[in-house]
Amino acid sequence: MYRLRFVVAAALVFFVLGVAPAVAQEEMTGDNAPAIVLEDDQPAAAEEAWTFRYLVPTLAGITGIAILGIALGYTVRIRGRYRVTQ
């Protein structure tokens, strides 16, 4: 069972790091030109960096879930170890 989990995890990592970025790349036409050319006369609006928009909230959520999981696991282990007698 451990080997199966390892193989599935390795395959998913390979897919995410190797295949998915290649699929997500921009498609080009036959003469190696972009399919759609956009001309924009207005200056681009300043946006927040992608790290602030996506990475920071994701890491904050994962950290919160990890802290809750650790607290829950600690509570369950302590309750299972000691019994209150009267």
N, C-alpha and C. Protein backbone atom coordinates (compact mmCIF):
# COMPACT_ATOMS: atom_id res chain seq x y z
N MET A 1 0.83 -1.19 0.00
CA MET A 1 0.00 0.00 0.00
C MET A 1 0.88 1.26 0.00
N TYR A 2 2.00 1.17 0.75
CA TYR A 2 2.90 2.31 0.81
C TYR A 2 3.49 2.63 -0.57
N ARG A 3 3.86 1.59 -1.30
CA ARG A 3 4.43 1.80 -2.64
C ARG A 3 3.40 2.42 -3.57
N LEU A 4 2.16 1.98 -3.47
CA LEU A 4 1.12 2.54 -4.32
C LEU A 4 0.93 4.02 -4.04
N ARG A 5 0.90 4.39 -2.78
CA ARG A 5 0.78 5.82 -2.44
C ARG A 5 1.96 6.61 -2.98
N PHE A 6 3.16 6.04 -2.84
CA PHE A 6 4.35 6.73 -3.32
C PHE A 6 4.30 6.90 -4.84
N VAL A 7 3.89 5.87 -5.55
CA VAL A 7 3.83 5.95 -7.02
C VAL A 7 2.78 6.96 -7.45
N VAL A 8 1.61 6.97 -6.79
CA VAL A 8 0.56 7.93 -7.13
C VAL A 8 1.03 9.35 -6.84
N ALA A 9 1.68 9.56 -5.68
CA ALA A 9 2.18 10.90 -5.33
C ALA A 9 3.25 11.35 -6.33
N ALA A 10 4.15 10.45 -6.70
CA ALA A 10 5.20 10.80 -7.66
C ALA A 10 4.60 11.12 -9.03
N ALA A 11 3.58 10.37 -9.44
CA ALA A 11 2.93 10.64 -10.73
C ALA A 11 2.23 11.99 -10.70
N LEU A 12 1.57 12.32 -9.60
CA LEU A 12 0.91 13.61 -9.51
C LEU A 12 1.91 14.76 -9.53
N VAL A 13 3.02 14.60 -8.83
CA VAL A 13 4.05 15.65 -8.85
C VAL A 13 4.60 15.81 -10.26
N PHE A 14 4.87 14.71 -10.94
CA PHE A 14 5.35 14.78 -12.33
C PHE A 14 4.34 15.49 -13.21
N PHE A 15 3.06 15.15 -13.06
CA PHE A 15 2.04 15.77 -13.88
C PHE A 15 1.96 17.27 -13.63
N VAL A 16 1.96 17.67 -12.36
CA VAL A 16 1.81 19.09 -12.02
C VAL A 16 3.04 19.88 -12.46
N LEU A 17 4.23 19.32 -12.29
CA LEU A 17 5.44 20.06 -12.63
C LEU A 17 5.85 19.92 -14.09
N GLY A 18 5.46 18.84 -14.74
CA GLY A 18 5.93 18.61 -16.10
C GLY A 18 4.90 18.81 -17.18
N VAL A 19 3.75 18.20 -17.03
CA VAL A 19 2.77 18.19 -18.10
C VAL A 19 1.84 19.40 -18.04
N ALA A 20 1.37 19.74 -16.86
CA ALA A 20 0.39 20.83 -16.74
C ALA A 20 0.91 22.17 -17.27
N PRO A 21 2.16 22.59 -16.98
CA PRO A 21 2.61 23.87 -17.55
C PRO A 21 2.70 23.84 -19.08
N ALA A 22 3.04 22.69 -19.65
CA ALA A 22 3.12 22.60 -21.10
C ALA A 22 1.73 22.73 -21.73
N VAL A 23 0.72 22.19 -21.08
CA VAL A 23 -0.64 22.27 -21.59
C VAL A 23 -1.17 23.69 -21.48
N ALA A 24 -0.76 24.40 -20.43
CA ALA A 24 -1.29 25.73 -20.16
C ALA A 24 -0.64 26.82 -21.02
N GLN A 25 0.39 26.48 -21.78
CA GLN A 25 1.05 27.49 -22.59
C GLN A 25 0.13 27.98 -23.70
N GLU A 26 0.47 29.15 -24.19
CA GLU A 26 -0.33 29.80 -25.22
C GLU A 26 -0.22 29.06 -26.56
N GLU A 27 -1.34 28.87 -27.20
CA GLU A 27 -1.38 28.21 -28.51
C GLU A 27 -0.94 29.19 -29.59
N MET A 28 -0.17 28.73 -30.56
CA MET A 28 0.27 29.57 -31.67
C MET A 28 -0.34 29.02 -32.96
N THR A 29 -0.52 29.90 -33.92
CA THR A 29 -1.06 29.47 -35.21
C THR A 29 0.05 28.85 -36.05
N GLY A 30 -0.28 28.41 -37.25
CA GLY A 30 0.67 27.72 -38.10
C GLY A 30 1.88 28.56 -38.50
N ASP A 31 1.72 29.88 -38.67
CA ASP A 31 2.85 30.70 -39.09
C ASP A 31 3.59 31.30 -37.90
N ASN A 32 3.44 30.70 -36.73
CA ASN A 32 4.14 31.09 -35.51
C ASN A 32 3.81 32.52 -35.09
N ALA A 33 2.58 32.92 -35.26
CA ALA A 33 2.11 34.23 -34.83
C ALA A 33 1.00 34.03 -33.81
N PRO A 34 0.78 34.97 -32.94
CA PRO A 34 -0.31 34.83 -31.96
C PRO A 34 -1.66 34.75 -32.67
N ALA A 35 -2.56 33.98 -32.10
CA ALA A 35 -3.87 33.82 -32.69
C ALA A 35 -4.67 35.11 -32.63
N ILE A 36 -4.54 35.86 -31.55
CA ILE A 36 -5.25 37.12 -31.37
C ILE A 36 -4.24 38.19 -30.97
N VAL A 37 -4.27 39.30 -31.67
CA VAL A 37 -3.39 40.42 -31.33
C VAL A 37 -4.27 41.53 -30.77
N LEU A 38 -3.99 41.92 -29.54
CA LEU A 38 -4.75 42.99 -28.90
C LEU A 38 -3.90 44.25 -28.87
N GLU A 39 -4.51 45.35 -29.25
CA GLU A 39 -3.84 46.63 -29.16
C GLU A 39 -4.59 47.48 -28.15
N ASP A 40 -3.89 47.88 -27.13
CA ASP A 40 -4.50 48.63 -26.05
C ASP A 40 -3.81 49.98 -25.94
N ASP A 41 -4.58 51.06 -26.13
CA ASP A 41 -4.01 52.39 -26.06
C ASP A 41 -3.94 52.92 -24.63
N GLN A 42 -4.74 52.37 -23.74
CA GLN A 42 -4.76 52.84 -22.36
C GLN A 42 -3.65 52.15 -21.57
N PRO A 43 -3.06 52.88 -20.62
CA PRO A 43 -2.03 52.24 -19.79
C PRO A 43 -2.66 51.18 -18.88
N ALA A 44 -1.89 50.18 -18.59
CA ALA A 44 -2.39 49.08 -17.76
C ALA A 44 -2.54 49.55 -16.32
N ALA A 45 -3.61 49.12 -15.69
CA ALA A 45 -3.85 49.48 -14.29
C ALA A 45 -2.88 48.71 -13.41
N ALA A 46 -2.40 49.35 -12.38
CA ALA A 46 -1.47 48.70 -11.47
C ALA A 46 -2.24 47.68 -10.63
N GLU A 47 -1.82 46.44 -10.70
CA GLU A 47 -2.45 45.37 -9.94
C GLU A 47 -1.50 44.89 -8.85
N GLU A 48 -2.08 44.23 -7.86
CA GLU A 48 -1.24 43.64 -6.83
C GLU A 48 -0.44 42.49 -7.44
N ALA A 49 0.69 42.23 -6.87
CA ALA A 49 1.50 41.12 -7.36
C ALA A 49 0.76 39.81 -7.16
N TRP A 50 1.03 38.83 -8.02
CA TRP A 50 0.34 37.54 -7.92
C TRP A 50 0.66 36.86 -6.61
N THR A 51 1.86 37.12 -6.07
CA THR A 51 2.21 36.48 -4.81
C THR A 51 1.32 36.97 -3.69
N PHE A 52 0.99 38.23 -3.72
CA PHE A 52 0.14 38.77 -2.67
C PHE A 52 -1.31 38.34 -2.88
N ARG A 53 -1.73 38.23 -4.12
CA ARG A 53 -3.12 37.89 -4.40
C ARG A 53 -3.43 36.42 -4.18
N TYR A 54 -2.48 35.54 -4.47
CA TYR A 54 -2.77 34.10 -4.43
C TYR A 54 -1.94 33.35 -3.38
N LEU A 55 -0.65 33.60 -3.35
CA LEU A 55 0.22 32.81 -2.49
C LEU A 55 0.02 33.10 -1.02
N VAL A 56 -0.11 34.37 -0.66
CA VAL A 56 -0.26 34.74 0.74
C VAL A 56 -1.56 34.19 1.33
N PRO A 57 -2.73 34.36 0.70
CA PRO A 57 -3.94 33.76 1.29
C PRO A 57 -3.90 32.23 1.33
N THR A 58 -3.29 31.62 0.34
CA THR A 58 -3.18 30.16 0.34
C THR A 58 -2.33 29.68 1.50
N LEU A 59 -1.17 30.31 1.69
CA LEU A 59 -0.31 29.93 2.80
C LEU A 59 -0.96 30.21 4.14
N ALA A 60 -1.70 31.30 4.25
CA ALA A 60 -2.39 31.60 5.50
C ALA A 60 -3.45 30.54 5.79
N GLY A 61 -4.18 30.12 4.78
CA GLY A 61 -5.19 29.07 4.97
C GLY A 61 -4.58 27.74 5.34
N ILE A 62 -3.51 27.36 4.65
CA ILE A 62 -2.84 26.09 4.96
C ILE A 62 -2.27 26.12 6.37
N THR A 63 -1.70 27.25 6.77
CA THR A 63 -1.15 27.37 8.12
C THR A 63 -2.25 27.25 9.17
N GLY A 64 -3.39 27.89 8.93
CA GLY A 64 -4.51 27.78 9.86
C GLY A 64 -5.00 26.35 9.99
N ILE A 65 -5.12 25.66 8.86
CA ILE A 65 -5.57 24.26 8.89
C ILE A 65 -4.55 23.39 9.62
N ALA A 66 -3.26 23.64 9.40
CA ALA A 66 -2.22 22.87 10.07
C ALA A 66 -2.26 23.09 11.58
N ILE A 67 -2.44 24.33 12.01
CA ILE A 67 -2.50 24.62 13.45
C ILE A 67 -3.72 23.94 14.07
N LEU A 68 -4.87 24.00 13.41
CA LEU A 68 -6.05 23.32 13.92
C LEU A 68 -5.85 21.81 13.98
N GLY A 69 -5.23 21.25 12.97
CA GLY A 69 -4.97 19.81 12.97
C GLY A 69 -4.03 19.39 14.08
N ILE A 70 -2.99 20.19 14.32
CA ILE A 70 -2.05 19.88 15.39
C ILE A 70 -2.74 19.98 16.74
N ALA A 71 -3.53 21.04 16.94
CA ALA A 71 -4.24 21.21 18.20
C ALA A 71 -5.23 20.06 18.42
N LEU A 72 -5.95 19.66 17.39
CA LEU A 72 -6.90 18.56 17.51
C LEU A 72 -6.18 17.25 17.80
N GLY A 73 -5.10 16.99 17.09
CA GLY A 73 -4.33 15.76 17.33
C GLY A 73 -3.75 15.72 18.73
N TYR A 74 -3.26 16.82 19.22
CA TYR A 74 -2.71 16.89 20.57
C TYR A 74 -3.81 16.63 21.59
N THR A 75 -4.98 17.24 21.39
CA THR A 75 -6.10 17.05 22.32
C THR A 75 -6.55 15.60 22.34
N VAL A 76 -6.65 14.98 21.18
CA VAL A 76 -7.08 13.58 21.11
C VAL A 76 -6.07 12.68 21.78
N ARG A 77 -4.79 12.92 21.58
CA ARG A 77 -3.76 12.07 22.20
C ARG A 77 -3.77 12.22 23.72
N ILE A 78 -3.93 13.43 24.22
CA ILE A 78 -3.94 13.66 25.66
C ILE A 78 -5.17 13.01 26.28
N ARG A 79 -6.32 13.15 25.68
CA ARG A 79 -7.55 12.54 26.22
C ARG A 79 -7.45 11.02 26.21
N GLY A 80 -6.85 10.46 25.20
CA GLY A 80 -6.73 9.01 25.13
C GLY A 80 -5.71 8.46 26.11
N ARG A 81 -4.78 9.26 26.54
CA ARG A 81 -3.71 8.79 27.41
C ARG A 81 -4.12 8.82 28.88
N TYR A 82 -4.87 9.82 29.29
CA TYR A 82 -5.21 9.98 30.70
C TYR A 82 -6.71 9.83 30.91
N ARG A 83 -7.07 9.20 32.02
CA ARG A 83 -8.46 9.02 32.39
C ARG A 83 -8.70 9.70 33.74
N VAL A 84 -9.82 10.38 33.86
CA VAL A 84 -10.18 11.03 35.11
C VAL A 84 -10.93 10.02 35.98
N THR A 85 -10.46 9.85 37.20
CA THR A 85 -11.13 8.92 38.13
C THR A 85 -11.78 9.74 39.23
N GLN A 86 -12.89 9.20 39.75
CA GLN A 86 -13.59 9.91 40.83
C GLN A 86 -13.77 9.00 42.03
